[in-house]
N, C-alpha and C. Protein backbone atom coordinates (compact mmCIF):
# COMPACT_ATOMS: atom_id res chain seq x y z
N MET A 1 -7.38 -30.59 -4.93
CA MET A 1 -7.20 -29.35 -5.45
C MET A 1 -5.57 -29.01 -5.72
N ARG A 2 -5.60 -28.53 -6.95
CA ARG A 2 -4.19 -28.47 -7.30
C ARG A 2 -3.91 -26.99 -7.66
N TYR A 3 -2.47 -26.49 -7.63
CA TYR A 3 -2.20 -25.34 -7.94
C TYR A 3 -1.26 -25.29 -9.20
N VAL A 4 -1.07 -24.24 -9.98
CA VAL A 4 0.00 -24.16 -10.89
C VAL A 4 0.52 -22.86 -10.68
N THR A 5 1.65 -22.61 -10.74
CA THR A 5 2.42 -21.27 -10.69
C THR A 5 3.20 -21.15 -12.06
N PHE A 6 2.98 -20.14 -12.74
CA PHE A 6 3.60 -19.69 -14.06
C PHE A 6 3.78 -18.18 -14.10
N VAL A 7 4.76 -17.97 -14.87
CA VAL A 7 5.05 -16.58 -15.31
C VAL A 7 4.50 -16.25 -16.97
N LEU A 8 3.73 -15.13 -16.88
CA LEU A 8 3.20 -14.47 -17.98
C LEU A 8 3.96 -13.52 -18.39
N ILE A 9 4.50 -13.42 -19.67
CA ILE A 9 5.38 -12.30 -20.27
C ILE A 9 4.50 -11.79 -21.15
N PRO A 10 4.10 -10.56 -20.73
CA PRO A 10 3.14 -9.54 -21.73
C PRO A 10 3.91 -8.91 -23.01
N PRO A 11 3.29 -8.73 -23.97
CA PRO A 11 3.77 -8.23 -25.14
C PRO A 11 4.35 -6.86 -24.87
N ASP A 12 5.44 -6.40 -25.22
CA ASP A 12 6.04 -4.93 -25.21
C ASP A 12 6.16 -4.58 -23.75
N GLY A 13 6.21 -5.29 -22.82
CA GLY A 13 6.50 -5.03 -21.49
C GLY A 13 5.44 -4.61 -20.47
N GLY A 14 4.14 -4.71 -21.10
CA GLY A 14 3.14 -4.53 -20.18
C GLY A 14 1.58 -4.91 -20.67
N LEU A 15 0.74 -5.06 -19.72
CA LEU A 15 -0.53 -5.57 -20.25
C LEU A 15 -1.29 -4.70 -20.97
N HIS A 16 -1.23 -3.29 -20.56
CA HIS A 16 -1.95 -2.34 -21.24
C HIS A 16 -1.19 -0.97 -21.29
N PRO A 17 -1.52 -0.01 -21.80
CA PRO A 17 -0.61 1.27 -22.11
C PRO A 17 -0.23 1.61 -20.59
N SER A 18 -1.02 2.07 -19.62
CA SER A 18 -0.54 2.57 -18.47
C SER A 18 0.44 1.73 -17.74
N ASP A 19 0.06 0.28 -17.70
CA ASP A 19 1.07 -0.62 -17.25
C ASP A 19 2.44 -0.62 -17.99
N ARG A 20 2.39 -0.36 -19.25
CA ARG A 20 3.43 -0.28 -20.01
C ARG A 20 4.35 1.06 -19.68
N ARG A 21 3.77 2.18 -19.25
CA ARG A 21 4.40 3.27 -18.84
C ARG A 21 5.04 2.97 -17.46
N LEU A 22 4.36 2.53 -16.53
CA LEU A 22 4.92 2.11 -15.15
C LEU A 22 6.12 1.28 -15.29
N ALA A 23 6.20 0.33 -16.36
CA ALA A 23 7.30 -0.69 -16.54
C ALA A 23 8.64 0.10 -17.12
N GLU A 24 8.21 1.13 -17.91
CA GLU A 24 9.31 1.60 -18.61
C GLU A 24 10.04 2.66 -17.86
N ASP A 25 9.25 3.27 -16.84
CA ASP A 25 9.80 4.50 -16.02
C ASP A 25 11.03 3.94 -14.97
N SER A 26 12.16 4.72 -15.23
CA SER A 26 13.23 4.18 -14.35
C SER A 26 13.10 4.64 -12.91
N ASP A 27 12.23 5.39 -12.61
CA ASP A 27 12.04 5.80 -11.07
C ASP A 27 10.91 5.08 -10.40
N VAL A 28 10.32 4.04 -11.07
CA VAL A 28 9.16 3.30 -10.60
C VAL A 28 9.36 1.80 -10.85
N THR A 29 9.24 1.08 -9.84
CA THR A 29 9.27 -0.48 -10.08
C THR A 29 7.93 -1.24 -9.64
N ARG A 30 7.18 -1.82 -10.66
CA ARG A 30 6.13 -2.64 -10.19
C ARG A 30 6.60 -3.85 -9.53
N THR A 31 5.99 -4.08 -8.20
CA THR A 31 6.21 -5.18 -7.51
C THR A 31 5.11 -6.33 -7.49
N ALA A 32 3.75 -5.88 -7.34
CA ALA A 32 2.84 -6.76 -7.28
C ALA A 32 1.59 -6.01 -7.79
N LEU A 33 0.49 -6.96 -8.17
CA LEU A 33 -0.86 -6.48 -8.41
C LEU A 33 -1.61 -7.23 -7.18
N HIS A 34 -2.23 -6.63 -6.32
CA HIS A 34 -3.08 -7.13 -5.22
C HIS A 34 -4.24 -7.60 -5.55
N ASP A 35 -4.94 -7.26 -6.72
CA ASP A 35 -6.12 -7.48 -7.27
C ASP A 35 -6.44 -6.86 -8.71
N ILE A 36 -7.33 -7.54 -9.52
CA ILE A 36 -7.63 -6.89 -10.74
C ILE A 36 -8.96 -7.41 -11.07
N ASN A 37 -9.84 -6.57 -11.54
CA ASN A 37 -11.20 -7.03 -11.67
C ASN A 37 -11.91 -6.22 -12.85
N ARG A 38 -12.38 -6.92 -13.89
CA ARG A 38 -13.20 -6.34 -14.82
C ARG A 38 -14.51 -5.97 -14.30
N LEU A 39 -15.09 -4.65 -14.55
CA LEU A 39 -16.31 -4.21 -14.35
C LEU A 39 -17.28 -4.48 -15.45
N ASP A 40 -18.53 -4.25 -15.11
CA ASP A 40 -19.68 -4.71 -15.97
C ASP A 40 -19.59 -3.66 -17.08
N ASP A 41 -19.12 -2.73 -17.19
CA ASP A 41 -18.93 -1.79 -18.43
C ASP A 41 -17.79 -2.04 -19.16
N GLY A 42 -16.91 -2.91 -18.94
CA GLY A 42 -15.90 -3.44 -19.70
C GLY A 42 -14.54 -2.79 -19.20
N THR A 43 -14.60 -1.94 -18.42
CA THR A 43 -13.31 -1.18 -17.89
C THR A 43 -12.80 -2.19 -16.77
N ALA A 44 -11.64 -1.91 -16.08
CA ALA A 44 -11.30 -2.80 -15.23
C ALA A 44 -10.59 -1.94 -14.06
N VAL A 45 -10.47 -2.45 -12.87
CA VAL A 45 -9.71 -1.66 -11.72
C VAL A 45 -8.68 -2.77 -11.07
N THR A 46 -7.50 -1.95 -10.84
CA THR A 46 -6.56 -2.84 -10.12
C THR A 46 -5.87 -2.19 -9.03
N LEU A 47 -5.13 -3.05 -8.22
CA LEU A 47 -4.51 -2.34 -7.23
C LEU A 47 -2.79 -2.67 -7.05
N TYR A 48 -2.08 -1.75 -7.53
CA TYR A 48 -0.61 -2.14 -7.55
C TYR A 48 -0.04 -1.88 -6.24
N ARG A 49 1.14 -2.45 -6.31
CA ARG A 49 2.27 -2.22 -5.04
C ARG A 49 3.22 -2.00 -5.80
N LEU A 50 4.02 -0.73 -5.67
CA LEU A 50 5.03 -0.20 -6.54
C LEU A 50 6.36 0.18 -5.58
N ASP A 51 7.55 0.50 -5.98
CA ASP A 51 8.48 1.16 -5.59
C ASP A 51 8.75 2.30 -6.23
N GLY A 52 8.86 3.59 -5.36
CA GLY A 52 8.88 4.83 -6.07
C GLY A 52 8.19 5.68 -5.16
N THR A 53 7.81 7.05 -5.89
CA THR A 53 7.27 7.98 -5.03
C THR A 53 5.87 8.21 -5.30
N VAL A 54 4.90 8.61 -4.69
CA VAL A 54 3.44 8.81 -5.03
C VAL A 54 3.71 9.83 -6.00
N GLU A 55 4.28 10.89 -5.85
CA GLU A 55 4.46 11.96 -6.89
C GLU A 55 4.67 11.49 -8.53
N ARG A 56 5.64 10.60 -8.47
CA ARG A 56 6.07 10.11 -9.93
C ARG A 56 4.96 9.22 -10.32
N VAL A 57 4.38 8.43 -9.43
CA VAL A 57 3.37 7.56 -10.03
C VAL A 57 2.11 8.37 -10.40
N GLU A 58 1.85 9.47 -9.74
CA GLU A 58 0.83 10.09 -10.07
C GLU A 58 1.01 10.75 -11.44
N GLU A 59 2.06 11.32 -11.59
CA GLU A 59 2.51 11.89 -13.09
C GLU A 59 2.29 11.13 -14.05
N ILE A 60 2.79 9.82 -13.91
CA ILE A 60 2.69 8.93 -14.78
C ILE A 60 1.33 8.48 -15.42
N LEU A 61 0.54 8.12 -14.35
CA LEU A 61 -1.12 7.96 -14.25
C LEU A 61 -1.84 9.19 -14.94
N ASP A 62 -1.51 10.27 -14.40
CA ASP A 62 -2.08 11.48 -15.03
C ASP A 62 -1.84 11.62 -16.63
N ASP A 63 -0.68 11.01 -17.26
CA ASP A 63 -0.53 11.26 -18.50
C ASP A 63 -0.80 10.05 -19.27
N CYS A 64 -1.75 9.35 -18.80
CA CYS A 64 -1.86 7.96 -19.35
C CYS A 64 -3.44 8.11 -20.16
N ALA A 65 -3.71 8.01 -21.25
CA ALA A 65 -5.20 8.25 -21.94
C ALA A 65 -6.04 6.86 -21.46
N ASP A 66 -5.66 5.83 -21.17
CA ASP A 66 -6.35 4.64 -20.77
C ASP A 66 -6.93 4.75 -19.24
N VAL A 67 -6.25 5.42 -18.49
CA VAL A 67 -6.54 5.63 -17.17
C VAL A 67 -7.67 6.65 -16.80
N LEU A 68 -8.79 5.95 -16.37
CA LEU A 68 -10.09 6.77 -16.11
C LEU A 68 -9.94 7.53 -14.60
N ALA A 69 -9.44 6.79 -13.73
CA ALA A 69 -9.21 7.37 -12.37
C ALA A 69 -8.17 6.70 -11.65
N HIS A 70 -7.60 7.37 -10.55
CA HIS A 70 -6.63 6.65 -9.83
C HIS A 70 -6.47 7.39 -8.49
N ASN A 71 -5.97 6.47 -7.48
CA ASN A 71 -5.78 7.19 -6.15
C ASN A 71 -4.38 6.27 -5.85
N VAL A 72 -3.44 7.33 -5.45
CA VAL A 72 -2.26 6.76 -5.01
C VAL A 72 -1.85 7.20 -3.72
N SER A 73 -1.33 6.38 -2.79
CA SER A 73 -0.88 6.56 -1.44
C SER A 73 0.42 5.81 -1.02
N ALA A 74 1.15 6.45 -0.09
CA ALA A 74 2.21 5.59 0.39
C ALA A 74 1.71 4.72 1.64
N THR A 75 2.41 3.53 1.73
CA THR A 75 2.10 2.69 2.72
C THR A 75 3.50 2.28 3.18
N GLY A 76 3.83 2.47 4.35
CA GLY A 76 5.55 2.04 4.74
C GLY A 76 6.47 2.45 3.58
N ASP A 77 7.06 1.39 3.18
CA ASP A 77 8.07 1.85 2.15
C ASP A 77 7.56 1.55 0.73
N SER A 78 6.42 1.32 0.70
CA SER A 78 5.82 0.87 -0.78
C SER A 78 4.73 2.02 -1.04
N VAL A 79 4.49 2.18 -2.14
CA VAL A 79 3.41 2.93 -2.87
C VAL A 79 2.22 2.01 -3.45
N HIS A 80 1.19 2.37 -2.94
CA HIS A 80 -0.16 1.60 -3.50
C HIS A 80 -0.81 2.46 -4.52
N ALA A 81 -1.36 1.78 -5.67
CA ALA A 81 -1.96 2.82 -6.78
C ALA A 81 -3.31 1.93 -6.89
N TYR A 82 -4.49 2.44 -6.80
CA TYR A 82 -5.86 1.99 -7.19
C TYR A 82 -5.94 2.64 -8.56
N VAL A 83 -6.15 1.84 -9.70
CA VAL A 83 -6.13 2.48 -11.13
C VAL A 83 -7.36 1.84 -11.63
N HIS A 84 -8.27 2.82 -12.30
CA HIS A 84 -9.50 2.28 -13.06
C HIS A 84 -9.07 2.75 -14.42
N PHE A 85 -9.14 1.83 -15.35
CA PHE A 85 -8.58 1.85 -16.54
C PHE A 85 -9.41 1.17 -17.70
N GLU A 86 -9.14 1.66 -18.90
CA GLU A 86 -9.86 1.03 -20.36
C GLU A 86 -9.17 -0.08 -20.51
N THR A 87 -9.79 -1.38 -20.67
CA THR A 87 -9.19 -2.56 -21.05
C THR A 87 -8.65 -2.60 -22.47
N ASN A 88 -7.79 -3.26 -22.80
CA ASN A 88 -7.63 -3.66 -24.31
C ASN A 88 -7.70 -5.23 -24.65
N ASP A 89 -7.57 -5.72 -25.74
CA ASP A 89 -7.79 -7.12 -26.06
C ASP A 89 -7.09 -8.07 -25.21
N VAL A 90 -5.77 -7.56 -24.83
CA VAL A 90 -5.07 -8.45 -24.03
C VAL A 90 -5.53 -8.70 -22.58
N VAL A 91 -6.04 -7.63 -21.90
CA VAL A 91 -6.40 -7.70 -20.58
C VAL A 91 -7.80 -8.21 -20.36
N ALA A 92 -8.73 -7.97 -21.58
CA ALA A 92 -10.13 -8.34 -21.54
C ALA A 92 -9.94 -9.98 -21.67
N GLY A 93 -9.00 -10.42 -22.52
CA GLY A 93 -8.93 -11.83 -22.79
C GLY A 93 -8.45 -12.72 -21.49
N LEU A 94 -7.50 -12.06 -20.75
CA LEU A 94 -6.74 -12.69 -19.73
C LEU A 94 -7.93 -12.71 -18.45
N LEU A 95 -8.63 -11.65 -18.31
CA LEU A 95 -9.77 -11.47 -17.17
C LEU A 95 -10.88 -12.40 -17.49
N ALA A 96 -10.90 -12.81 -18.61
CA ALA A 96 -12.18 -13.65 -18.99
C ALA A 96 -11.80 -15.19 -18.71
N VAL A 97 -10.67 -15.38 -18.63
CA VAL A 97 -10.20 -16.86 -18.44
C VAL A 97 -10.60 -17.43 -17.20
N PRO A 98 -10.34 -16.72 -15.96
CA PRO A 98 -10.89 -17.53 -14.64
C PRO A 98 -12.47 -17.60 -14.60
N HIS A 99 -13.24 -16.77 -15.22
CA HIS A 99 -14.79 -16.84 -15.18
C HIS A 99 -15.08 -17.85 -16.11
N ALA A 100 -14.37 -18.18 -17.25
CA ALA A 100 -14.90 -19.09 -18.21
C ALA A 100 -14.71 -20.46 -17.64
N HIS A 101 -13.55 -20.63 -16.82
CA HIS A 101 -13.16 -21.99 -16.60
C HIS A 101 -13.17 -22.20 -15.17
N GLY A 102 -13.67 -21.42 -14.31
CA GLY A 102 -13.94 -21.71 -12.68
C GLY A 102 -12.68 -21.91 -11.90
N ILE A 103 -11.49 -21.29 -12.50
CA ILE A 103 -10.29 -21.27 -11.67
C ILE A 103 -10.26 -19.98 -10.82
N ILE A 104 -9.27 -20.09 -9.79
CA ILE A 104 -9.25 -18.97 -8.70
C ILE A 104 -7.85 -18.63 -8.97
N LEU A 105 -7.61 -17.11 -8.81
CA LEU A 105 -6.11 -16.52 -8.84
C LEU A 105 -5.89 -16.45 -7.29
N ASP A 106 -4.53 -17.00 -7.10
CA ASP A 106 -4.13 -16.80 -5.62
C ASP A 106 -3.41 -15.45 -5.64
N THR A 107 -3.89 -14.33 -5.16
CA THR A 107 -3.06 -13.08 -5.26
C THR A 107 -2.28 -12.88 -3.87
N PRO A 108 -1.45 -12.10 -3.83
CA PRO A 108 -1.00 -11.12 -5.01
C PRO A 108 -0.31 -11.92 -6.18
N ILE A 109 -0.41 -11.11 -7.32
CA ILE A 109 0.28 -11.59 -8.49
C ILE A 109 1.61 -10.82 -8.51
N GLU A 110 2.81 -11.45 -8.37
CA GLU A 110 4.17 -10.73 -8.21
C GLU A 110 4.66 -10.36 -9.68
N PHE A 111 5.18 -9.50 -9.69
CA PHE A 111 6.19 -8.90 -10.98
C PHE A 111 7.49 -9.53 -10.91
N THR A 112 7.98 -10.09 -11.98
CA THR A 112 9.41 -10.57 -11.89
C THR A 112 10.48 -9.49 -12.27
N PRO A 113 11.70 -9.63 -11.79
CA PRO A 113 12.58 -8.56 -12.05
C PRO A 113 12.52 -8.10 -13.61
N ARG A 114 12.30 -9.17 -14.60
CA ARG A 114 12.26 -9.05 -16.07
C ARG A 114 11.03 -8.48 -16.59
N GLY A 115 9.98 -8.16 -15.61
CA GLY A 115 8.72 -7.62 -16.02
C GLY A 115 7.63 -8.74 -16.38
N GLY A 116 7.86 -10.00 -16.12
CA GLY A 116 6.70 -10.76 -16.15
C GLY A 116 5.88 -10.80 -14.85
N LEU A 117 4.82 -11.55 -14.93
CA LEU A 117 3.78 -11.66 -13.97
C LEU A 117 3.84 -13.15 -13.40
N ARG A 118 4.28 -13.25 -12.19
CA ARG A 118 4.15 -14.60 -11.55
C ARG A 118 2.80 -14.97 -10.83
N ILE A 119 2.04 -15.82 -11.50
CA ILE A 119 0.50 -16.14 -11.21
C ILE A 119 0.54 -17.60 -10.63
N THR A 120 -0.32 -17.57 -9.77
CA THR A 120 -0.74 -19.05 -9.09
C THR A 120 -2.23 -19.04 -9.35
N VAL A 121 -2.43 -20.20 -10.10
CA VAL A 121 -4.09 -20.50 -9.94
C VAL A 121 -4.37 -21.74 -9.58
N VAL A 122 -5.50 -21.81 -8.91
CA VAL A 122 -6.10 -23.01 -8.13
C VAL A 122 -7.29 -23.63 -8.74
N GLY A 123 -7.30 -24.82 -8.65
CA GLY A 123 -8.67 -25.51 -9.45
C GLY A 123 -8.42 -27.12 -9.50
N GLU A 124 -9.09 -27.64 -10.31
CA GLU A 124 -8.95 -29.00 -10.65
C GLU A 124 -7.70 -29.25 -11.62
N GLU A 125 -7.18 -30.14 -11.77
CA GLU A 125 -5.94 -30.24 -12.58
C GLU A 125 -6.37 -30.19 -14.12
N THR A 126 -7.47 -30.94 -14.43
CA THR A 126 -7.67 -30.92 -15.77
C THR A 126 -8.33 -29.57 -16.39
N THR A 127 -9.03 -28.97 -15.48
CA THR A 127 -9.38 -27.49 -15.92
C THR A 127 -8.49 -26.60 -15.82
N ILE A 128 -7.19 -26.71 -14.84
CA ILE A 128 -6.06 -25.93 -14.94
C ILE A 128 -5.21 -26.09 -16.24
N ARG A 129 -5.27 -27.17 -16.89
CA ARG A 129 -4.52 -27.48 -18.08
C ARG A 129 -5.33 -26.98 -19.23
N GLU A 130 -6.58 -27.12 -19.28
CA GLU A 130 -7.43 -26.45 -20.35
C GLU A 130 -7.22 -24.86 -20.32
N THR A 131 -7.03 -24.38 -19.06
CA THR A 131 -7.26 -22.81 -18.90
C THR A 131 -5.89 -22.42 -19.62
N ILE A 132 -4.63 -22.93 -19.17
CA ILE A 132 -3.52 -22.44 -19.67
C ILE A 132 -3.34 -22.57 -21.04
N GLY A 133 -4.20 -23.53 -21.78
CA GLY A 133 -4.24 -23.57 -23.29
C GLY A 133 -4.95 -22.38 -23.84
N THR A 134 -5.76 -21.55 -23.02
CA THR A 134 -6.64 -20.50 -23.60
C THR A 134 -6.01 -19.07 -23.43
N VAL A 135 -4.70 -18.85 -22.80
CA VAL A 135 -3.98 -17.73 -22.89
C VAL A 135 -4.11 -16.93 -24.18
N PRO A 136 -4.41 -15.78 -24.12
CA PRO A 136 -4.39 -14.86 -25.51
C PRO A 136 -3.09 -15.17 -26.14
N ASP A 137 -3.22 -15.12 -27.60
CA ASP A 137 -1.87 -15.00 -28.40
C ASP A 137 -1.13 -13.89 -28.16
N GLY A 138 0.24 -13.96 -28.31
CA GLY A 138 1.09 -12.94 -28.03
C GLY A 138 1.67 -12.87 -26.57
N ILE A 139 1.13 -13.63 -25.78
CA ILE A 139 1.62 -13.43 -24.38
C ILE A 139 2.67 -14.78 -24.04
N GLY A 140 3.70 -14.66 -23.75
CA GLY A 140 4.37 -15.76 -23.53
C GLY A 140 4.10 -16.42 -22.09
N LEU A 141 4.47 -17.76 -21.91
CA LEU A 141 4.01 -18.26 -20.61
C LEU A 141 5.08 -19.30 -20.27
N LYS A 142 5.76 -19.27 -19.05
CA LYS A 142 6.46 -20.23 -18.60
C LYS A 142 6.08 -20.82 -17.38
N LEU A 143 6.00 -22.32 -17.34
CA LEU A 143 5.51 -22.95 -16.06
C LEU A 143 6.67 -23.07 -15.14
N GLU A 144 6.31 -22.84 -13.83
CA GLU A 144 7.40 -22.78 -12.79
C GLU A 144 7.25 -23.99 -11.85
N GLU A 145 5.81 -24.35 -11.19
CA GLU A 145 5.81 -25.44 -10.25
C GLU A 145 4.37 -25.77 -10.15
N THR A 146 4.15 -27.06 -9.79
CA THR A 146 2.72 -27.39 -9.61
C THR A 146 2.64 -28.33 -8.33
N GLY A 147 1.45 -28.59 -7.97
CA GLY A 147 1.30 -29.35 -6.78
C GLY A 147 -0.13 -29.39 -6.08
N GLU A 148 -0.04 -29.78 -4.86
CA GLU A 148 -1.33 -29.88 -3.94
C GLU A 148 -1.38 -28.47 -3.54
N TYR A 149 -2.70 -27.93 -3.59
CA TYR A 149 -2.67 -26.52 -3.09
C TYR A 149 -2.69 -26.39 -1.42
N GLU A 150 -1.96 -25.54 -0.94
CA GLU A 150 -1.88 -25.09 0.24
C GLU A 150 -1.72 -23.75 0.42
N PRO A 151 -2.33 -22.84 1.71
CA PRO A 151 -2.11 -21.71 1.73
C PRO A 151 -0.66 -21.19 1.51
N SER A 152 -0.39 -19.88 1.32
CA SER A 152 0.98 -19.54 1.19
C SER A 152 2.24 -19.92 2.20
N ALA A 153 1.81 -19.83 3.39
CA ALA A 153 2.87 -19.94 4.50
C ALA A 153 2.80 -21.48 4.55
N GLN A 154 2.12 -22.32 4.19
CA GLN A 154 2.13 -23.75 4.46
C GLN A 154 3.13 -24.30 3.19
N ARG A 155 2.78 -23.62 1.89
CA ARG A 155 3.69 -24.13 0.80
C ARG A 155 4.99 -23.65 1.15
N LEU A 156 5.39 -22.37 1.63
CA LEU A 156 6.65 -22.25 1.99
C LEU A 156 7.29 -22.98 3.09
N PHE A 157 6.63 -23.52 4.06
CA PHE A 157 7.12 -24.14 4.90
C PHE A 157 7.32 -25.55 4.38
N ALA A 158 6.55 -26.04 3.57
CA ALA A 158 6.73 -27.34 2.68
C ALA A 158 8.00 -27.36 2.00
N ARG A 159 8.55 -26.27 1.45
CA ARG A 159 9.73 -26.10 0.65
C ARG A 159 11.19 -26.60 1.48
N LEU A 160 10.91 -26.47 2.86
CA LEU A 160 12.08 -26.81 3.71
C LEU A 160 12.21 -28.18 3.83
N THR A 161 13.45 -28.65 4.04
CA THR A 161 13.67 -30.19 4.20
C THR A 161 13.11 -30.66 5.63
N THR A 162 12.94 -31.79 6.00
CA THR A 162 12.42 -32.29 7.16
C THR A 162 13.26 -31.75 8.29
N ARG A 163 14.68 -31.88 8.19
CA ARG A 163 15.58 -31.55 9.26
C ARG A 163 15.40 -29.89 9.44
N GLN A 164 15.14 -29.17 8.27
CA GLN A 164 15.09 -27.81 8.57
C GLN A 164 13.84 -27.61 9.15
N GLN A 165 12.59 -28.17 8.93
CA GLN A 165 11.38 -27.95 9.65
C GLN A 165 11.44 -28.28 11.07
N GLU A 166 12.17 -29.35 11.26
CA GLU A 166 12.46 -29.80 12.67
C GLU A 166 13.20 -28.60 13.48
N THR A 167 14.23 -28.00 12.82
CA THR A 167 15.05 -27.02 13.46
C THR A 167 14.28 -25.80 13.73
N LEU A 168 13.53 -25.39 12.71
CA LEU A 168 12.78 -24.09 12.77
C LEU A 168 11.73 -24.26 13.93
N LYS A 169 11.02 -25.47 13.97
CA LYS A 169 9.99 -25.62 14.99
C LYS A 169 10.73 -25.46 16.50
N ALA A 170 11.87 -26.05 16.54
CA ALA A 170 12.61 -26.10 17.76
C ALA A 170 13.09 -24.68 18.23
N ALA A 171 13.66 -24.01 17.16
CA ALA A 171 14.10 -22.69 17.38
C ALA A 171 12.97 -21.89 17.76
N ILE A 172 11.75 -21.82 17.23
CA ILE A 172 10.51 -20.96 17.84
C ILE A 172 10.06 -21.41 19.08
N GLU A 173 9.92 -22.71 19.52
CA GLU A 173 9.76 -23.21 20.61
C GLU A 173 10.50 -22.56 21.87
N ALA A 174 11.88 -22.64 21.37
CA ALA A 174 12.93 -22.26 22.54
C ALA A 174 12.98 -20.75 22.69
N GLY A 175 12.56 -19.91 21.76
CA GLY A 175 12.43 -18.59 21.83
C GLY A 175 13.63 -17.84 21.27
N TYR A 176 14.04 -18.60 20.11
CA TYR A 176 15.32 -18.06 19.32
C TYR A 176 14.87 -16.80 18.77
N TYR A 177 13.71 -16.69 18.20
CA TYR A 177 13.22 -15.48 17.39
C TYR A 177 12.48 -14.57 18.28
N GLU A 178 12.55 -14.69 19.47
CA GLU A 178 11.88 -13.54 20.29
C GLU A 178 12.67 -12.57 20.40
N VAL A 179 12.29 -11.33 20.87
CA VAL A 179 13.17 -10.15 21.37
C VAL A 179 12.94 -9.83 22.86
N PRO A 180 13.70 -9.77 23.57
CA PRO A 180 15.19 -10.20 23.32
C PRO A 180 15.36 -11.90 23.08
N ARG A 181 16.26 -12.34 22.38
CA ARG A 181 16.54 -13.72 22.21
C ARG A 181 16.53 -14.63 23.32
N ARG A 182 15.81 -15.62 23.43
CA ARG A 182 15.95 -16.45 24.81
C ARG A 182 16.63 -17.69 24.59
N ALA A 183 17.23 -18.10 23.47
CA ALA A 183 18.00 -19.21 23.22
C ALA A 183 18.98 -19.22 22.18
N THR A 184 20.15 -20.15 22.36
CA THR A 184 21.20 -20.00 21.51
C THR A 184 21.05 -21.21 20.60
N HIS A 185 22.12 -21.36 19.48
CA HIS A 185 22.31 -22.49 18.78
C HIS A 185 22.48 -23.78 19.67
N ALA A 186 23.22 -23.55 20.81
CA ALA A 186 23.52 -24.68 21.66
C ALA A 186 22.27 -25.10 22.27
N ASP A 187 21.49 -24.19 22.59
CA ASP A 187 20.06 -24.62 23.35
C ASP A 187 19.05 -25.47 22.32
N ILE A 188 19.25 -25.04 21.18
CA ILE A 188 18.37 -25.78 20.18
C ILE A 188 19.00 -27.10 19.78
N ALA A 189 20.38 -27.05 19.79
CA ALA A 189 21.07 -28.31 19.41
C ALA A 189 20.86 -29.43 20.28
N GLU A 190 20.74 -29.09 21.72
CA GLU A 190 20.42 -29.83 22.99
C GLU A 190 19.11 -30.45 22.64
N ARG A 191 18.02 -29.63 22.29
CA ARG A 191 16.74 -30.16 21.93
C ARG A 191 16.76 -31.28 21.01
N LEU A 192 17.39 -31.05 19.87
CA LEU A 192 17.38 -31.92 18.79
C LEU A 192 18.49 -33.12 18.59
N ASP A 193 19.42 -33.02 19.68
CA ASP A 193 20.74 -33.87 19.83
C ASP A 193 21.34 -33.90 18.62
N ARG A 194 21.70 -32.31 18.21
CA ARG A 194 22.75 -32.07 17.14
C ARG A 194 23.67 -31.24 17.60
N THR A 195 24.71 -31.02 16.64
CA THR A 195 25.65 -29.85 17.14
C THR A 195 25.19 -28.44 16.71
N GLY A 196 25.68 -27.54 17.64
CA GLY A 196 25.49 -26.10 17.38
C GLY A 196 25.71 -25.73 15.90
N GLY A 197 26.83 -26.09 15.42
CA GLY A 197 27.20 -25.90 14.15
C GLY A 197 26.11 -26.28 13.10
N THR A 198 25.65 -27.37 13.15
CA THR A 198 24.58 -28.03 12.42
C THR A 198 23.31 -27.26 12.38
N VAL A 199 22.87 -26.81 13.76
CA VAL A 199 21.78 -26.08 13.98
C VAL A 199 22.06 -24.52 13.28
N GLY A 200 23.32 -23.98 13.40
CA GLY A 200 23.51 -22.79 12.71
C GLY A 200 23.24 -22.84 11.30
N GLU A 201 23.97 -23.94 10.69
CA GLU A 201 23.74 -23.95 9.23
C GLU A 201 22.27 -24.29 8.80
N HIS A 202 21.42 -25.00 9.44
CA HIS A 202 19.95 -25.15 8.82
C HIS A 202 19.43 -23.88 9.16
N LEU A 203 19.65 -22.89 10.27
CA LEU A 203 18.92 -21.79 10.32
C LEU A 203 19.17 -20.79 9.27
N ARG A 204 20.60 -20.63 8.74
CA ARG A 204 20.87 -19.73 7.88
C ARG A 204 20.15 -20.18 6.51
N LYS A 205 20.03 -21.64 6.36
CA LYS A 205 19.40 -22.10 4.97
C LYS A 205 18.06 -21.79 5.09
N ILE A 206 17.26 -22.01 6.27
CA ILE A 206 15.91 -21.68 6.45
C ILE A 206 15.74 -20.12 6.13
N GLU A 207 16.59 -19.13 6.64
CA GLU A 207 16.41 -17.69 6.62
C GLU A 207 16.49 -17.30 5.06
N ALA A 208 17.53 -17.87 4.44
CA ALA A 208 17.83 -17.59 3.15
C ALA A 208 16.41 -17.99 2.10
N ALA A 209 16.09 -19.17 2.42
CA ALA A 209 14.83 -19.68 1.65
C ALA A 209 13.56 -18.84 1.94
N VAL A 210 13.27 -18.33 3.07
CA VAL A 210 12.13 -17.77 3.60
C VAL A 210 12.18 -16.28 3.08
N LEU A 211 13.36 -15.58 3.32
CA LEU A 211 13.63 -14.24 2.96
C LEU A 211 13.52 -14.03 1.35
N THR A 212 14.17 -15.06 0.71
CA THR A 212 14.13 -14.92 -0.92
C THR A 212 12.83 -15.05 -1.26
N ALA A 213 12.02 -16.03 -0.61
CA ALA A 213 10.45 -16.21 -0.97
C ALA A 213 9.58 -14.94 -0.85
N ILE A 214 9.89 -14.30 0.33
CA ILE A 214 8.81 -13.01 0.62
C ILE A 214 9.32 -11.81 0.01
N VAL A 215 10.54 -11.60 -0.30
CA VAL A 215 10.93 -10.37 -0.76
C VAL A 215 10.46 -9.96 -2.37
N PRO A 216 9.71 -9.20 -2.66
CA PRO A 216 9.28 -8.90 -3.91
C PRO A 216 10.26 -8.62 -4.82
């Protein structure tokens, strides 16, 4: 089973009118779509994760003619918005692709800093290739990576080098990431027969890779 990650670049900065309004507003940033589904009546529902205020997101959605209903709430440092909206040709075409070709969307879908959607699909390699060729006209597509599918945490761990993986495992086993911390670089180095400086360098690179990957 394979996966392909690519970035879709929607026309005019958004997939549909209300998505475009959210994209254009300077007080709101789209960070992810946790899900998006087409209903039997042809409309669609989606769940956004956004940066901004509940009040501003509600103001925008209240003013969008394509929005049929919405529910906005604050969760921690983020805002989540359930949106029921009228689809257009772009959204209808995209939502038809997984059902027509039997591929699976690996959610959440991430928004890139430039407004694209970073999407991972899972399925048979030949099917994925055929599917990518059916993306509706007018939508840009940039391939990022492909490989054997593993759950997100395993894919992230697999990006580390062998020595980084060994260092991370040893650090966790030694209690380096517990609170309070129960191990030092020297303790980890002793387990691995390396220097404390080498361990410190590996841990900094690991933390940079992991944090960069998980921050939307």
